[in-house]
Amino acid sequence: MKKQVVEFGGEAVGALVPENGKLRFIAVKYSVWSLDGMLYPSLAAAGDAVDTVLSQSKARAAAMPLASFWVPQQGDAGESQFIWNASSAIGDGKDQPSAA
């Protein structure tokens, strides 16, 4: 038995390496990282596991709401009215209150 590539949608997502009569899955894509190191009795069983994981990922992504962003409106505080937290990587330190 030789090493076999596992594909999903025409893209390689992992490899199966023979080990003691079974096949160890080696993930090459983050989307199937949860399967890395798992043993399967056949290529078909590994393929089913990949299908399950990627189908669940698509279902979760479809269920997530679209991102929303705050759009300033007339009367909202402007950026100059915010004081950045001293530990913020965003602030440049110019707006920091001085320690007295």
C-alpha atoms as a PDB file:
ATOM      1  CA  MET A   1       0.000   0.000   0.000  1.00  0.00           C
ATOM      2  CA  LYS A   2       1.329   3.435  -0.957  1.00  0.00           C
ATOM      3  CA  LYS A   3       0.658   6.949   0.253  1.00  0.00           C
ATOM      4  CA  GLN A   4      -2.605   8.336  -1.164  1.00  0.00           C
ATOM      5  CA  VAL A   5      -3.747  11.923  -1.642  1.00  0.00           C
ATOM      6  CA  VAL A   6      -7.198  12.894  -0.338  1.00  0.00           C
ATOM      7  CA  GLU A   7      -8.963  15.544  -2.410  1.00  0.00           C
ATOM      8  CA  PHE A   8     -12.103  17.578  -1.858  1.00  0.00           C
ATOM      9  CA  GLY A   9     -13.520  19.589  -4.722  1.00  0.00           C
ATOM     10  CA  GLY A  10     -10.383  18.973  -6.781  1.00  0.00           C
ATOM     11  CA  GLU A  11      -8.074  20.315  -4.060  1.00  0.00           C
ATOM     12  CA  ALA A  12      -5.692  18.191  -1.985  1.00  0.00           C
ATOM     13  CA  VAL A  13      -6.665  18.427   1.694  1.00  0.00           C
ATOM     14  CA  GLY A  14      -4.633  15.566   3.116  1.00  0.00           C
ATOM     15  CA  ALA A  15      -2.664  12.393   2.587  1.00  0.00           C
ATOM     16  CA  LEU A  16      -3.168   8.850   3.829  1.00  0.00           C
ATOM     17  CA  VAL A  17      -0.073   7.001   4.974  1.00  0.00           C
ATOM     18  CA  PRO A  18      -0.189   3.241   5.632  1.00  0.00           C
ATOM     19  CA  GLU A  19       0.314   2.262   9.264  1.00  0.00           C
ATOM     20  CA  ASN A  20      -0.220  -1.260  10.675  1.00  0.00           C
ATOM     21  CA  GLY A  21      -2.872  -2.185   8.115  1.00  0.00           C
ATOM     22  CA  LYS A  22      -4.747   1.117   8.447  1.00  0.00           C
ATOM     23  CA  LEU A  23      -4.367   4.561   6.927  1.00  0.00           C
ATOM     24  CA  ARG A  24      -3.226   7.571   8.966  1.00  0.00           C
ATOM     25  CA  PHE A  25      -4.641  10.906   7.776  1.00  0.00           C
ATOM     26  CA  ILE A  26      -2.122  13.744   7.486  1.00  0.00           C
ATOM     27  CA  ALA A  27      -3.896  17.102   7.059  1.00  0.00           C
ATOM     28  CA  VAL A  28      -2.411  19.607   4.630  1.00  0.00           C
ATOM     29  CA  LYS A  29      -5.244  22.159   4.892  1.00  0.00           C
ATOM     30  CA  TYR A  30      -6.423  23.902   8.048  1.00  0.00           C
ATOM     31  CA  SER A  31     -10.057  23.135   7.221  1.00  0.00           C
ATOM     32  CA  VAL A  32      -9.465  19.422   7.994  1.00  0.00           C
ATOM     33  CA  TRP A  33      -6.937  19.880  10.796  1.00  0.00           C
ATOM     34  CA  SER A  34      -9.297  18.136  13.248  1.00  0.00           C
ATOM     35  CA  LEU A  35      -8.733  14.882  11.326  1.00  0.00           C
ATOM     36  CA  ASP A  36      -4.932  15.053  11.465  1.00  0.00           C
ATOM     37  CA  GLY A  37      -3.461  11.825  12.841  1.00  0.00           C
ATOM     38  CA  MET A  38      -6.730   9.838  12.711  1.00  0.00           C
ATOM     39  CA  LEU A  39      -6.607   6.207  11.524  1.00  0.00           C
ATOM     40  CA  TYR A  40      -9.063   4.907   8.910  1.00  0.00           C
ATOM     41  CA  PRO A  41      -9.664   1.416   7.549  1.00  0.00           C
ATOM     42  CA  SER A  42      -9.971   2.644   3.938  1.00  0.00           C
ATOM     43  CA  LEU A  43      -9.693   5.570   1.573  1.00  0.00           C
ATOM     44  CA  ALA A  44     -13.508   5.705   1.413  1.00  0.00           C
ATOM     45  CA  ALA A  45     -13.812   6.020   5.206  1.00  0.00           C
ATOM     46  CA  ALA A  46     -11.275   8.868   5.259  1.00  0.00           C
ATOM     47  CA  GLY A  47     -13.090  10.552   2.380  1.00  0.00           C
ATOM     48  CA  ASP A  48     -16.383  10.301   4.282  1.00  0.00           C
ATOM     49  CA  ALA A  49     -14.757  11.929   7.325  1.00  0.00           C
ATOM     50  CA  VAL A  50     -13.410  14.782   5.173  1.00  0.00           C
ATOM     51  CA  ASP A  51     -16.856  15.259   3.583  1.00  0.00           C
ATOM     52  CA  THR A  52     -18.475  15.389   7.031  1.00  0.00           C
ATOM     53  CA  VAL A  53     -16.018  17.931   8.434  1.00  0.00           C
ATOM     54  CA  LEU A  54     -16.171  20.220   5.410  1.00  0.00           C
ATOM     55  CA  SER A  55     -19.962  19.968   5.147  1.00  0.00           C
ATOM     56  CA  GLN A  56     -20.272  20.993   8.808  1.00  0.00           C
ATOM     57  CA  SER A  57     -17.933  23.941   8.182  1.00  0.00           C
ATOM     58  CA  LYS A  58     -20.062  25.132   5.256  1.00  0.00           C
ATOM     59  CA  ALA A  59     -23.255  24.764   7.311  1.00  0.00           C
ATOM     60  CA  ARG A  60     -21.752  26.809  10.175  1.00  0.00           C
ATOM     61  CA  ALA A  61     -20.572  29.498   7.772  1.00  0.00           C
ATOM     62  CA  ALA A  62     -24.006  29.694   6.153  1.00  0.00           C
ATOM     63  CA  ALA A  63     -25.660  30.063   9.561  1.00  0.00           C
ATOM     64  CA  MET A  64     -23.432  32.954  10.655  1.00  0.00           C
ATOM     65  CA  PRO A  65     -24.890  36.426  10.258  1.00  0.00           C
ATOM     66  CA  LEU A  66     -23.148  38.867   7.984  1.00  0.00           C
ATOM     67  CA  ALA A  67     -20.722  41.192   9.697  1.00  0.00           C
ATOM     68  CA  SER A  68     -22.100  44.545  10.680  1.00  0.00           C
ATOM     69  CA  PHE A  69     -20.168  47.749  11.080  1.00  0.00           C
ATOM     70  CA  TRP A  70     -20.856  50.961  12.920  1.00  0.00           C
ATOM     71  CA  VAL A  71     -21.409  53.820  10.512  1.00  0.00           C
ATOM     72  CA  PRO A  72     -21.140  57.216  12.210  1.00  0.00           C
ATOM     73  CA  GLN A  73     -24.256  59.344  12.009  1.00  0.00           C
ATOM     74  CA  GLN A  74     -24.693  63.061  12.530  1.00  0.00           C
ATOM     75  CA  GLY A  75     -24.368  63.794  16.252  1.00  0.00           C
ATOM     76  CA  ASP A  76     -22.187  60.757  17.047  1.00  0.00           C
ATOM     77  CA  ALA A  77     -18.902  61.310  18.841  1.00  0.00           C
ATOM     78  CA  GLY A  78     -16.012  61.970  16.499  1.00  0.00           C
ATOM     79  CA  GLU A  79     -12.667  60.187  16.658  1.00  0.00           C
ATOM     80  CA  SER A  80     -11.095  63.218  18.331  1.00  0.00           C
ATOM     81  CA  GLN A  81     -13.453  62.750  21.305  1.00  0.00           C
ATOM     82  CA  PHE A  82     -12.184  59.282  22.166  1.00  0.00           C
ATOM     83  CA  ILE A  83      -9.301  58.727  24.585  1.00  0.00           C
ATOM     84  CA  TRP A  84      -7.320  55.628  23.734  1.00  0.00           C
ATOM     85  CA  ASN A  85      -6.578  53.037  26.401  1.00  0.00           C
ATOM     86  CA  ALA A  86      -2.930  53.212  27.489  1.00  0.00           C
ATOM     87  CA  SER A  87      -2.404  49.589  26.398  1.00  0.00           C
ATOM     88  CA  SER A  88      -4.016  50.077  23.000  1.00  0.00           C
ATOM     89  CA  ALA A  89      -1.803  49.357  20.028  1.00  0.00           C
ATOM     90  CA  ILE A  90      -3.951  51.728  17.998  1.00  0.00           C
ATOM     91  CA  GLY A  91      -3.387  54.923  19.922  1.00  0.00           C
ATOM     92  CA  ASP A  92      -0.208  56.887  19.415  1.00  0.00           C
ATOM     93  CA  GLY A  93      -0.023  58.129  22.994  1.00  0.00           C
ATOM     94  CA  LYS A  94      -0.796  61.787  22.105  1.00  0.00           C
ATOM     95  CA  ASP A  95      -4.369  61.522  23.381  1.00  0.00           C
ATOM     96  CA  GLN A  96      -3.355  59.871  26.668  1.00  0.00           C
ATOM     97  CA  PRO A  97      -4.201  61.711  29.886  1.00  0.00           C
ATOM     98  CA  SER A  98      -1.109  62.592  31.854  1.00  0.00           C
ATOM     99  CA  ALA A  99      -0.531  60.828  35.175  1.00  0.00           C
ATOM    100  CA  ALA A 100      -0.486  63.416  37.943  1.00  0.00           C
END
